[in-house]
PDB file of all heavy atoms in Angstrom:
ATOM      1  N   THR A   1      23.356   9.524 -16.579  1.00  0.00           N
ATOM      2  CA  THR A   1      22.625   8.256 -16.751  1.00  0.00           C
ATOM      3  C   THR A   1      21.300   8.403 -17.481  1.00  0.00           C
ATOM      4  O   THR A   1      20.609   7.416 -17.706  1.00  0.00           O
ATOM      5  CB  THR A   1      22.361   7.594 -15.388  1.00  0.00           C
ATOM      6  OG1 THR A   1      21.605   8.491 -14.574  1.00  0.00           O
ATOM      7  CG2 THR A   1      23.669   7.240 -14.687  1.00  0.00           C
ATOM      8  N   GLY A   2      20.934   9.633 -17.844  1.00  0.00           N
ATOM      9  CA  GLY A   2      19.677   9.826 -18.558  1.00  0.00           C
ATOM     10  C   GLY A   2      19.478  11.281 -18.931  1.00  0.00           C
ATOM     11  O   GLY A   2      20.241  12.158 -18.528  1.00  0.00           O
ATOM     12  N   CYS A   3      18.439  11.511 -19.729  1.00  0.00           N
ATOM     13  CA  CYS A   3      18.104  12.879 -20.128  1.00  0.00           C
ATOM     14  C   CYS A   3      16.669  13.179 -19.721  1.00  0.00           C
ATOM     15  O   CYS A   3      15.811  12.306 -19.717  1.00  0.00           O
ATOM     16  CB  CYS A   3      18.302  13.086 -21.621  1.00  0.00           C
ATOM     17  SG  CYS A   3      17.182  12.145 -22.654  1.00  0.00           S
ATOM     18  N   LYS A   4      16.466  14.449 -19.362  1.00  0.00           N
ATOM     19  CA  LYS A   4      15.138  14.932 -19.010  1.00  0.00           C
ATOM     20  C   LYS A   4      14.759  16.011 -20.015  1.00  0.00           C
ATOM     21  O   LYS A   4      15.589  16.850 -20.369  1.00  0.00           O
ATOM     22  CB  LYS A   4      15.139  15.520 -17.599  1.00  0.00           C
ATOM     23  CG  LYS A   4      15.476  14.527 -16.506  1.00  0.00           C
ATOM     24  CD  LYS A   4      15.487  15.180 -15.159  1.00  0.00           C
ATOM     25  CE  LYS A   4      16.778  15.658 -14.635  1.00  0.00           C
ATOM     26  NZ  LYS A   4      18.004  15.072 -14.657  1.00  0.00           N
ATOM     27  N   VAL A   5      13.513  15.980 -20.450  1.00  0.00           N
ATOM     28  CA  VAL A   5      12.997  16.996 -21.364  1.00  0.00           C
ATOM     29  C   VAL A   5      11.668  17.477 -20.793  1.00  0.00           C
ATOM     30  O   VAL A   5      10.849  16.667 -20.358  1.00  0.00           O
ATOM     31  CB  VAL A   5      12.804  16.423 -22.786  1.00  0.00           C
ATOM     32  CG1 VAL A   5      12.156  17.447 -23.695  1.00  0.00           C
ATOM     33  CG2 VAL A   5      14.132  15.972 -23.372  1.00  0.00           C
ATOM     34  N   ALA A   6      11.478  18.787 -20.772  1.00  0.00           N
ATOM     35  CA  ALA A   6      10.226  19.340 -20.250  1.00  0.00           C
ATOM     36  C   ALA A   6       9.733  20.450 -21.172  1.00  0.00           C
ATOM     37  O   ALA A   6      10.524  21.196 -21.751  1.00  0.00           O
ATOM     38  CB  ALA A   6      10.420  19.882 -18.841  1.00  0.00           C
ATOM     39  N   LEU A   7       8.427  20.533 -21.286  1.00  0.00           N
ATOM     40  CA  LEU A   7       7.757  21.550 -22.095  1.00  0.00           C
ATOM     41  C   LEU A   7       6.980  22.455 -21.149  1.00  0.00           C
ATOM     42  O   LEU A   7       6.215  21.959 -20.312  1.00  0.00           O
ATOM     43  CB  LEU A   7       6.819  20.871 -23.096  1.00  0.00           C
ATOM     44  CG  LEU A   7       6.150  21.739 -24.141  1.00  0.00           C
ATOM     45  CD1 LEU A   7       7.195  22.304 -25.108  1.00  0.00           C
ATOM     46  CD2 LEU A   7       5.107  20.931 -24.902  1.00  0.00           C
ATOM     47  N   PHE A   8       7.195  23.770 -21.257  1.00  0.00           N
ATOM     48  CA  PHE A   8       6.557  24.738 -20.370  1.00  0.00           C
ATOM     49  C   PHE A   8       5.773  25.765 -21.176  1.00  0.00           C
ATOM     50  O   PHE A   8       6.169  26.135 -22.282  1.00  0.00           O
ATOM     51  CB  PHE A   8       7.612  25.496 -19.548  1.00  0.00           C
ATOM     52  CG  PHE A   8       8.359  24.638 -18.577  1.00  0.00           C
ATOM     53  CD1 PHE A   8       9.536  24.017 -18.953  1.00  0.00           C
ATOM     54  CD2 PHE A   8       7.887  24.445 -17.294  1.00  0.00           C
ATOM     55  CE1 PHE A   8      10.242  23.224 -18.056  1.00  0.00           C
ATOM     56  CE2 PHE A   8       8.578  23.650 -16.390  1.00  0.00           C
ATOM     57  CZ  PHE A   8       9.760  23.036 -16.781  1.00  0.00           C
ATOM     58  N   SER A   9       4.697  26.257 -20.572  1.00  0.00           N
ATOM     59  CA  SER A   9       3.983  27.388 -21.163  1.00  0.00           C
ATOM     60  C   SER A   9       4.819  28.641 -20.909  1.00  0.00           C
ATOM     61  O   SER A   9       5.753  28.628 -20.090  1.00  0.00           O
ATOM     62  CB  SER A   9       2.605  27.552 -20.516  1.00  0.00           C
ATOM     63  OG  SER A   9       2.733  28.040 -19.191  1.00  0.00           O
ATOM     64  N   LEU A  10       4.480  29.734 -21.573  1.00  0.00           N
ATOM     65  CA  LEU A  10       5.196  30.993 -21.351  1.00  0.00           C
ATOM     66  C   LEU A  10       4.968  31.532 -19.939  1.00  0.00           C
ATOM     67  O   LEU A  10       5.733  32.368 -19.464  1.00  0.00           O
ATOM     68  CB  LEU A  10       4.773  32.032 -22.393  1.00  0.00           C
ATOM     69  CG  LEU A  10       5.158  31.710 -23.839  1.00  0.00           C
ATOM     70  CD1 LEU A  10       4.677  32.818 -24.774  1.00  0.00           C
ATOM     71  CD2 LEU A  10       6.647  31.481 -23.987  1.00  0.00           C
ATOM     72  N   GLN A  11       3.928  31.036 -19.258  1.00  0.00           N
ATOM     73  CA  GLN A  11       3.655  31.440 -17.878  1.00  0.00           C
ATOM     74  C   GLN A  11       4.391  30.555 -16.870  1.00  0.00           C
ATOM     75  O   GLN A  11       4.265  30.745 -15.663  1.00  0.00           O
ATOM     76  CB  GLN A  11       2.149  31.384 -17.600  1.00  0.00           C
ATOM     77  CG  GLN A  11       1.333  32.429 -18.355  1.00  0.00           C
ATOM     78  CD  GLN A  11       1.197  32.115 -19.832  1.00  0.00           C
ATOM     79  OE1 GLN A  11       1.088  30.958 -20.229  1.00  0.00           O
ATOM     80  NE2 GLN A  11       1.225  33.146 -20.652  1.00  0.00           N
ATOM     81  N   GLY A  12       5.145  29.565 -17.341  1.00  0.00           N
ATOM     82  CA  GLY A  12       5.930  28.711 -16.454  1.00  0.00           C
ATOM     83  C   GLY A  12       5.246  27.428 -16.036  1.00  0.00           C
ATOM     84  O   GLY A  12       5.782  26.674 -15.238  1.00  0.00           O
ATOM     85  N   GLU A  13       4.055  27.153 -16.553  1.00  0.00           N
ATOM     86  CA  GLU A  13       3.347  25.911 -16.222  1.00  0.00           C
ATOM     87  C   GLU A  13       3.949  24.756 -17.018  1.00  0.00           C
ATOM     88  O   GLU A  13       4.112  24.861 -18.231  1.00  0.00           O
ATOM     89  CB  GLU A  13       1.869  26.053 -16.583  1.00  0.00           C
ATOM     90  CG  GLU A  13       1.074  24.774 -16.383  1.00  0.00           C
ATOM     91  CD  GLU A  13      -0.329  24.879 -16.957  1.00  0.00           C
ATOM     92  OE1 GLU A  13      -0.702  25.923 -17.504  1.00  0.00           O
ATOM     93  OE2 GLU A  13      -1.045  23.870 -16.863  1.00  0.00           O
ATOM     94  N   MET A  14       4.297  23.659 -16.321  1.00  0.00           N
ATOM     95  CA  MET A  14       4.825  22.494 -17.020  1.00  0.00           C
ATOM     96  C   MET A  14       3.698  21.805 -17.767  1.00  0.00           C
ATOM     97  O   MET A  14       2.699  21.421 -17.174  1.00  0.00           O
ATOM     98  CB  MET A  14       5.501  21.501 -16.070  1.00  0.00           C
ATOM     99  CG  MET A  14       6.165  20.350 -16.825  1.00  0.00           C
ATOM    100  SD  MET A  14       6.920  19.091 -15.783  1.00  0.00           S
ATOM    101  CE  MET A  14       8.192  20.010 -14.972  1.00  0.00           C
ATOM    102  N   LEU A  15       3.860  21.665 -19.078  1.00  0.00           N
ATOM    103  CA  LEU A  15       2.848  21.031 -19.913  1.00  0.00           C
ATOM    104  C   LEU A  15       3.090  19.541 -20.070  1.00  0.00           C
ATOM    105  O   LEU A  15       2.149  18.762 -20.179  1.00  0.00           O
ATOM    106  CB  LEU A  15       2.826  21.697 -21.297  1.00  0.00           C
ATOM    107  CG  LEU A  15       2.598  23.208 -21.308  1.00  0.00           C
ATOM    108  CD1 LEU A  15       2.754  23.756 -22.711  1.00  0.00           C
ATOM    109  CD2 LEU A  15       1.231  23.536 -20.725  1.00  0.00           C
ATOM    110  N   ALA A  16       4.358  19.139 -20.092  1.00  0.00           N
ATOM    111  CA  ALA A  16       4.714  17.725 -20.253  1.00  0.00           C
ATOM    112  C   ALA A  16       6.180  17.549 -19.897  1.00  0.00           C
ATOM    113  O   ALA A  16       6.973  18.496 -19.982  1.00  0.00           O
ATOM    114  CB  ALA A  16       4.476  17.276 -21.690  1.00  0.00           C
ATOM    115  N   SER A  17       6.536  16.315 -19.499  1.00  0.00           N
ATOM    116  CA  SER A  17       7.945  16.007 -19.235  1.00  0.00           C
ATOM    117  C   SER A  17       8.202  14.543 -19.556  1.00  0.00           C
ATOM    118  O   SER A  17       7.281  13.730 -19.582  1.00  0.00           O
ATOM    119  CB  SER A  17       8.314  16.313 -17.782  1.00  0.00           C
ATOM    120  OG  SER A  17       7.645  15.446 -16.903  1.00  0.00           O
ATOM    121  N   ALA A  18       9.464  14.235 -19.811  1.00  0.00           N
ATOM    122  CA  ALA A  18       9.859  12.859 -20.119  1.00  0.00           C
ATOM    123  C   ALA A  18      11.287  12.643 -19.632  1.00  0.00           C
ATOM    124  O   ALA A  18      12.084  13.582 -19.561  1.00  0.00           O
ATOM    125  CB  ALA A  18       9.766  12.599 -21.618  1.00  0.00           C
ATOM    126  N   TYR A  19      11.579  11.388 -19.311  1.00  0.00           N
ATOM    127  CA  TYR A  19      12.922  10.995 -18.880  1.00  0.00           C
ATOM    128  C   TYR A  19      13.299   9.715 -19.612  1.00  0.00           C
ATOM    129  O   TYR A  19      12.488   8.773 -19.666  1.00  0.00           O
ATOM    130  CB  TYR A  19      12.949  10.765 -17.364  1.00  0.00           C
ATOM    131  CG  TYR A  19      14.288  10.282 -16.852  1.00  0.00           C
ATOM    132  CD1 TYR A  19      15.352  11.166 -16.724  1.00  0.00           C
ATOM    133  CD2 TYR A  19      14.481   8.953 -16.499  1.00  0.00           C
ATOM    134  CE1 TYR A  19      16.582  10.736 -16.254  1.00  0.00           C
ATOM    135  CE2 TYR A  19      15.708   8.517 -16.028  1.00  0.00           C
ATOM    136  CZ  TYR A  19      16.762   9.407 -15.905  1.00  0.00           C
ATOM    137  OH  TYR A  19      17.982   8.983 -15.449  1.00  0.00           O
ATOM    138  N   CYS A  20      14.473   9.678 -20.186  1.00  0.00           N
ATOM    139  CA  CYS A  20      14.979   8.475 -20.862  1.00  0.00           C
ATOM    140  C   CYS A  20      16.364   8.150 -20.302  1.00  0.00           C
ATOM    141  O   CYS A  20      17.224   9.021 -20.229  1.00  0.00           O
ATOM    142  CB  CYS A  20      15.084   8.690 -22.367  1.00  0.00           C
ATOM    143  SG  CYS A  20      13.514   8.816 -23.206  1.00  0.00           S
ATOM    144  N   GLU A  21      16.549   6.900 -19.904  1.00  0.00           N
ATOM    145  CA  GLU A  21      17.835   6.459 -19.368  1.00  0.00           C
ATOM    146  C   GLU A  21      18.719   5.871 -20.458  1.00  0.00           C
ATOM    147  O   GLU A  21      18.233   5.412 -21.485  1.00  0.00           O
ATOM    148  CB  GLU A  21      17.627   5.393 -18.298  1.00  0.00           C
ATOM    149  CG  GLU A  21      17.035   5.909 -17.025  1.00  0.00           C
ATOM    150  CD  GLU A  21      16.985   4.856 -15.934  1.00  0.00           C
ATOM    151  OE1 GLU A  21      17.427   3.707 -16.149  1.00  0.00           O
ATOM    152  OE2 GLU A  21      16.499   5.197 -14.849  1.00  0.00           O
ATOM    153  N   TYR A  22      20.011   5.893 -20.206  1.00  0.00           N
ATOM    154  CA  TYR A  22      20.985   5.216 -21.047  1.00  0.00           C
ATOM    155  C   TYR A  22      22.116   4.754 -20.141  1.00  0.00           C
ATOM    156  O   TYR A  22      22.276   5.231 -19.022  1.00  0.00           O
ATOM    157  CB  TYR A  22      21.492   6.116 -22.185  1.00  0.00           C
ATOM    158  CG  TYR A  22      21.687   7.573 -21.810  1.00  0.00           C
ATOM    159  CD1 TYR A  22      22.797   7.999 -21.114  1.00  0.00           C
ATOM    160  CD2 TYR A  22      20.729   8.509 -22.154  1.00  0.00           C
ATOM    161  CE1 TYR A  22      22.964   9.329 -20.766  1.00  0.00           C
ATOM    162  CE2 TYR A  22      20.883   9.843 -21.825  1.00  0.00           C
ATOM    163  CZ  TYR A  22      22.007  10.249 -21.129  1.00  0.00           C
ATOM    164  OH  TYR A  22      22.165  11.557 -20.778  1.00  0.00           O
ATOM    165  N   ASP A  23      22.886   3.802 -20.621  1.00  0.00           N
ATOM    166  CA  ASP A  23      23.985   3.236 -19.830  1.00  0.00           C
ATOM    167  C   ASP A  23      25.291   3.953 -20.130  1.00  0.00           C
ATOM    168  O   ASP A  23      25.486   4.501 -21.202  1.00  0.00           O
ATOM    169  CB  ASP A  23      24.166   1.747 -20.162  1.00  0.00           C
ATOM    170  CG  ASP A  23      22.989   0.904 -19.716  1.00  0.00           C
ATOM    171  OD1 ASP A  23      22.388   1.226 -18.670  1.00  0.00           O
ATOM    172  OD2 ASP A  23      22.666  -0.063 -20.417  1.00  0.00           O
ATOM    173  N   PHE A  24      26.172   3.916 -19.158  1.00  0.00           N
ATOM    174  CA  PHE A  24      27.536   4.357 -19.424  1.00  0.00           C
ATOM    175  C   PHE A  24      28.421   3.121 -19.407  1.00  0.00           C
ATOM    176  O   PHE A  24      28.100   2.113 -18.780  1.00  0.00           O
ATOM    177  CB  PHE A  24      28.007   5.421 -18.415  1.00  0.00           C
ATOM    178  CG  PHE A  24      28.197   4.926 -17.012  1.00  0.00           C
ATOM    179  CD1 PHE A  24      29.407   4.422 -16.593  1.00  0.00           C
ATOM    180  CD2 PHE A  24      27.145   4.977 -16.103  1.00  0.00           C
ATOM    181  CE1 PHE A  24      29.582   3.963 -15.296  1.00  0.00           C
ATOM    182  CE2 PHE A  24      27.304   4.534 -14.805  1.00  0.00           C
ATOM    183  CZ  PHE A  24      28.532   4.020 -14.400  1.00  0.00           C
ATOM    184  N   GLN A  25      29.499   3.184 -20.148  1.00  0.00           N
ATOM    185  CA  GLN A  25      30.426   2.067 -20.217  1.00  0.00           C
ATOM    186  C   GLN A  25      31.633   2.359 -19.331  1.00  0.00           C
ATOM    187  O   GLN A  25      32.037   3.514 -19.178  1.00  0.00           O
ATOM    188  CB  GLN A  25      30.915   1.828 -21.660  1.00  0.00           C
ATOM    189  CG  GLN A  25      29.835   1.371 -22.615  1.00  0.00           C
ATOM    190  CD  GLN A  25      29.010   2.524 -23.143  1.00  0.00           C
ATOM    191  OE1 GLN A  25      29.549   3.555 -23.501  1.00  0.00           O
ATOM    192  NE2 GLN A  25      27.699   2.359 -23.174  1.00  0.00           N
ATOM    193  N   SER A  26      32.186   1.300 -18.766  1.00  0.00           N
ATOM    194  CA  SER A  26      33.381   1.406 -17.947  1.00  0.00           C
ATOM    195  C   SER A  26      34.399   0.411 -18.483  1.00  0.00           C
ATOM    196  O   SER A  26      34.496  -0.717 -17.999  1.00  0.00           O
ATOM    197  CB  SER A  26      33.037   1.115 -16.482  1.00  0.00           C
ATOM    198  OG  SER A  26      34.175   1.296 -15.673  1.00  0.00           O
ATOM    199  N   PRO A  27      35.176   0.810 -19.505  1.00  0.00           N
ATOM    200  CA  PRO A  27      36.095  -0.119 -20.147  1.00  0.00           C
ATOM    201  C   PRO A  27      37.233  -0.596 -19.248  1.00  0.00           C
ATOM    202  O   PRO A  27      37.830  -1.638 -19.508  1.00  0.00           O
ATOM    203  CB  PRO A  27      36.637   0.670 -21.341  1.00  0.00           C
ATOM    204  CG  PRO A  27      36.381   2.097 -21.026  1.00  0.00           C
ATOM    205  CD  PRO A  27      35.198   2.132 -20.116  1.00  0.00           C
ATOM    206  N   GLN A  28      37.512   0.141 -18.196  1.00  0.00           N
ATOM    207  CA  GLN A  28      38.492  -0.301 -17.204  1.00  0.00           C
ATOM    208  C   GLN A  28      38.206   0.435 -15.905  1.00  0.00           C
ATOM    209  O   GLN A  28      37.516   1.454 -15.911  1.00  0.00           O
ATOM    210  CB  GLN A  28      39.920  -0.082 -17.695  1.00  0.00           C
ATOM    211  CG  GLN A  28      40.361   1.355 -17.804  1.00  0.00           C
ATOM    212  CD  GLN A  28      41.779   1.456 -18.341  1.00  0.00           C
ATOM    213  OE1 GLN A  28      42.085   0.887 -19.373  1.00  0.00           O
ATOM    214  NE2 GLN A  28      42.628   2.161 -17.648  1.00  0.00           N
ATOM    215  N   PRO A  29      38.696  -0.072 -14.786  1.00  0.00           N
ATOM    216  CA  PRO A  29      38.409   0.558 -13.491  1.00  0.00           C
ATOM    217  C   PRO A  29      38.767   2.045 -13.486  1.00  0.00           C
ATOM    218  O   PRO A  29      39.817   2.447 -13.995  1.00  0.00           O
ATOM    219  CB  PRO A  29      39.287  -0.227 -12.514  1.00  0.00           C
ATOM    220  CG  PRO A  29      39.466  -1.563 -13.175  1.00  0.00           C
ATOM    221  CD  PRO A  29      39.527  -1.266 -14.650  1.00  0.00           C
ATOM    222  N   GLY A  30      37.842   2.846 -12.955  1.00  0.00           N
ATOM    223  CA  GLY A  30      38.058   4.280 -12.863  1.00  0.00           C
ATOM    224  C   GLY A  30      37.671   5.060 -14.108  1.00  0.00           C
ATOM    225  O   GLY A  30      37.752   6.281 -14.120  1.00  0.00           O
ATOM    226  N   TRP A  31      37.255   4.367 -15.147  1.00  0.00           N
ATOM    227  CA  TRP A  31      36.847   5.025 -16.389  1.00  0.00           C
ATOM    228  C   TRP A  31      35.337   4.986 -16.515  1.00  0.00           C
ATOM    229  O   TRP A  31      34.697   4.033 -16.098  1.00  0.00           O
ATOM    230  CB  TRP A  31      37.434   4.314 -17.600  1.00  0.00           C
ATOM    231  CG  TRP A  31      38.905   4.520 -17.838  1.00  0.00           C
ATOM    232  CD1 TRP A  31      39.862   4.828 -16.917  1.00  0.00           C
ATOM    233  CD2 TRP A  31      39.582   4.405 -19.090  1.00  0.00           C
ATOM    234  NE1 TRP A  31      41.089   4.900 -17.504  1.00  0.00           N
ATOM    235  CE2 TRP A  31      40.947   4.643 -18.855  1.00  0.00           C
ATOM    236  CE3 TRP A  31      39.172   4.111 -20.372  1.00  0.00           C
ATOM    237  CZ2 TRP A  31      41.889   4.612 -19.857  1.00  0.00           C
ATOM    238  CZ3 TRP A  31      40.128   4.076 -21.376  1.00  0.00           C
ATOM    239  CH2 TRP A  31      41.468   4.337 -21.123  1.00  0.00           C
ATOM    240  N   ALA A  32      34.788   5.994 -17.151  1.00  0.00           N
ATOM    241  CA  ALA A  32      33.362   6.010 -17.498  1.00  0.00           C
ATOM    242  C   ALA A  32      33.222   6.780 -18.804  1.00  0.00           C
ATOM    243  O   ALA A  32      33.845   7.829 -18.980  1.00  0.00           O
ATOM    244  CB  ALA A  32      32.535   6.672 -16.407  1.00  0.00           C
ATOM    245  N   GLN A  33      32.458   6.231 -19.719  1.00  0.00           N
ATOM    246  CA  GLN A  33      32.229   6.925 -20.981  1.00  0.00           C
ATOM    247  C   GLN A  33      30.803   6.692 -21.444  1.00  0.00           C
ATOM    248  O   GLN A  33      30.166   5.717 -21.050  1.00  0.00           O
ATOM    249  CB  GLN A  33      33.231   6.486 -22.047  1.00  0.00           C
ATOM    250  CG  GLN A  33      33.195   5.007 -22.360  1.00  0.00           C
ATOM    251  CD  GLN A  33      34.375   4.571 -23.230  1.00  0.00           C
ATOM    252  OE1 GLN A  33      35.497   5.043 -23.048  1.00  0.00           O
ATOM    253  NE2 GLN A  33      34.110   3.684 -24.168  1.00  0.00           N
ATOM    254  N   LEU A  34      30.313   7.612 -22.244  1.00  0.00           N
ATOM    255  CA  LEU A  34      28.946   7.550 -22.754  1.00  0.00           C
ATOM    256  C   LEU A  34      28.969   7.354 -24.269  1.00  0.00           C
ATOM    257  O   LEU A  34      29.871   7.837 -24.950  1.00  0.00           O
ATOM    258  CB  LEU A  34      28.195   8.837 -22.428  1.00  0.00           C
ATOM    259  CG  LEU A  34      27.986   9.123 -20.947  1.00  0.00           C
ATOM    260  CD1 LEU A  34      27.458  10.529 -20.742  1.00  0.00           C
ATOM    261  CD2 LEU A  34      27.038   8.110 -20.342  1.00  0.00           C
ATOM    262  N   ASP A  35      27.961   6.669 -24.772  1.00  0.00           N
ATOM    263  CA  ASP A  35      27.788   6.470 -26.206  1.00  0.00           C
ATOM    264  C   ASP A  35      26.961   7.638 -26.736  1.00  0.00           C
ATOM    265  O   ASP A  35      25.762   7.735 -26.447  1.00  0.00           O
ATOM    266  CB  ASP A  35      27.090   5.130 -26.448  1.00  0.00           C
ATOM    267  CG  ASP A  35      26.815   4.847 -27.907  1.00  0.00           C
ATOM    268  OD1 ASP A  35      27.071   5.714 -28.771  1.00  0.00           O
ATOM    269  OD2 ASP A  35      26.332   3.733 -28.196  1.00  0.00           O
ATOM    270  N   SER A  36      27.580   8.519 -27.501  1.00  0.00           N
ATOM    271  CA  SER A  36      26.882   9.722 -27.971  1.00  0.00           C
ATOM    272  C   SER A  36      25.671   9.385 -28.842  1.00  0.00           C
ATOM    273  O   SER A  36      24.664  10.089 -28.793  1.00  0.00           O
ATOM    274  CB  SER A  36      27.836  10.655 -28.722  1.00  0.00           C
ATOM    275  OG  SER A  36      28.409   9.992 -29.832  1.00  0.00           O
ATOM    276  N   ALA A  37      25.740   8.303 -29.612  1.00  0.00           N
ATOM    277  CA  ALA A  37      24.591   7.909 -30.443  1.00  0.00           C
ATOM    278  C   ALA A  37      23.410   7.493 -29.565  1.00  0.00           C
ATOM    279  O   ALA A  37      22.258   7.843 -29.851  1.00  0.00           O
ATOM    280  CB  ALA A  37      24.977   6.774 -31.389  1.00  0.00           C
ATOM    281  N   ALA A  38      23.686   6.771 -28.479  1.00  0.00           N
ATOM    282  CA  ALA A  38      22.619   6.355 -27.556  1.00  0.00           C
ATOM    283  C   ALA A  38      21.999   7.574 -26.867  1.00  0.00           C
ATOM    284  O   ALA A  38      20.776   7.637 -26.686  1.00  0.00           O
ATOM    285  CB  ALA A  38      23.165   5.378 -26.519  1.00  0.00           C
ATOM    286  N   ILE A  39      22.823   8.531 -26.497  1.00  0.00           N
ATOM    287  CA  ILE A  39      22.313   9.750 -25.866  1.00  0.00           C
ATOM    288  C   ILE A  39      21.420  10.506 -26.843  1.00  0.00           C
ATOM    289  O   ILE A  39      20.320  10.943 -26.490  1.00  0.00           O
ATOM    290  CB  ILE A  39      23.465  10.648 -25.381  1.00  0.00           C
ATOM    291  CG1 ILE A  39      24.204   9.958 -24.235  1.00  0.00           C
ATOM    292  CG2 ILE A  39      22.949  12.019 -24.946  1.00  0.00           C
ATOM    293  CD1 ILE A  39      25.483  10.646 -23.841  1.00  0.00           C
ATOM    294  N   TRP A  40      21.864  10.673 -28.078  1.00  0.00           N
ATOM    295  CA  TRP A  40      21.083  11.398 -29.076  1.00  0.00           C
ATOM    296  C   TRP A  40      19.741  10.714 -29.316  1.00  0.00           C
ATOM    297  O   TRP A  40      18.708  11.383 -29.415  1.00  0.00           O
ATOM    298  CB  TRP A  40      21.882  11.536 -30.364  1.00  0.00           C
ATOM    299  CG  TRP A  40      21.179  12.283 -31.447  1.00  0.00           C
ATOM    300  CD1 TRP A  40      20.959  11.850 -32.710  1.00  0.00           C
ATOM    301  CD2 TRP A  40      20.593  13.585 -31.370  1.00  0.00           C
ATOM    302  NE1 TRP A  40      20.276  12.803 -33.429  1.00  0.00           N
ATOM    303  CE2 TRP A  40      20.030  13.880 -32.630  1.00  0.00           C
ATOM    304  CE3 TRP A  40      20.471  14.523 -30.367  1.00  0.00           C
ATOM    305  CZ2 TRP A  40      19.362  15.076 -32.897  1.00  0.00           C
ATOM    306  CZ3 TRP A  40      19.809  15.716 -30.637  1.00  0.00           C
ATOM    307  CH2 TRP A  40      19.267  15.983 -31.883  1.00  0.00           C
ATOM    308  N   GLU A  41      19.725   9.387 -29.383  1.00  0.00           N
ATOM    309  CA  GLU A  41      18.458   8.662 -29.571  1.00  0.00           C
ATOM    310  C   GLU A  41      17.525   8.886 -28.382  1.00  0.00           C
ATOM    311  O   GLU A  41      16.318   9.063 -28.552  1.00  0.00           O
ATOM    312  CB  GLU A  41      18.715   7.166 -29.794  1.00  0.00           C
ATOM    313  CG  GLU A  41      19.383   6.848 -31.119  1.00  0.00           C
ATOM    314  CD  GLU A  41      18.622   7.388 -32.326  1.00  0.00           C
ATOM    315  OE1 GLU A  41      17.383   7.238 -32.385  1.00  0.00           O
ATOM    316  OE2 GLU A  41      19.264   7.987 -33.203  1.00  0.00           O
ATOM    317  N   ALA A  42      18.074   8.875 -27.167  1.00  0.00           N
ATOM    318  CA  ALA A  42      17.259   9.103 -25.969  1.00  0.00           C
ATOM    319  C   ALA A  42      16.690  10.524 -25.949  1.00  0.00           C
ATOM    320  O   ALA A  42      15.521  10.729 -25.608  1.00  0.00           O
ATOM    321  CB  ALA A  42      18.094   8.846 -24.716  1.00  0.00           C
ATOM    322  N   VAL A  43      17.505  11.508 -26.318  1.00  0.00           N
ATOM    323  CA  VAL A  43      17.042  12.900 -26.356  1.00  0.00           C
ATOM    324  C   VAL A  43      15.910  13.045 -27.377  1.00  0.00           C
ATOM    325  O   VAL A  43      14.871  13.653 -27.089  1.00  0.00           O
ATOM    326  CB  VAL A  43      18.207  13.866 -26.668  1.00  0.00           C
ATOM    327  CG1 VAL A  43      17.696  15.270 -26.972  1.00  0.00           C
ATOM    328  CG2 VAL A  43      19.196  13.904 -25.513  1.00  0.00           C
ATOM    329  N   LYS A  44      16.095  12.477 -28.556  1.00  0.00           N
ATOM    330  CA  LYS A  44      15.044  12.564 -29.580  1.00  0.00           C
ATOM    331  C   LYS A  44      13.756  11.887 -29.117  1.00  0.00           C
ATOM    332  O   LYS A  44      12.657  12.416 -29.335  1.00  0.00           O
ATOM    333  CB  LYS A  44      15.531  11.946 -30.895  1.00  0.00           C
ATOM    334  CG  LYS A  44      16.606  12.762 -31.585  1.00  0.00           C
ATOM    335  CD  LYS A  44      16.907  12.266 -32.987  1.00  0.00           C
ATOM    336  CE  LYS A  44      17.405  10.849 -33.033  1.00  0.00           C
ATOM    337  NZ  LYS A  44      17.786  10.412 -34.394  1.00  0.00           N
TER     338      LYS A  44
END
């Protein structure tokens, strides 16, 4: 349902983090699929 990105120093200190959500589609009962273009935009 989303992507997390974190930036760390070489000593392991978290410098920054971000979370972006996206929806999944359910074209019929019991199915779930993700839009790869939406995921890529969220990651970027």
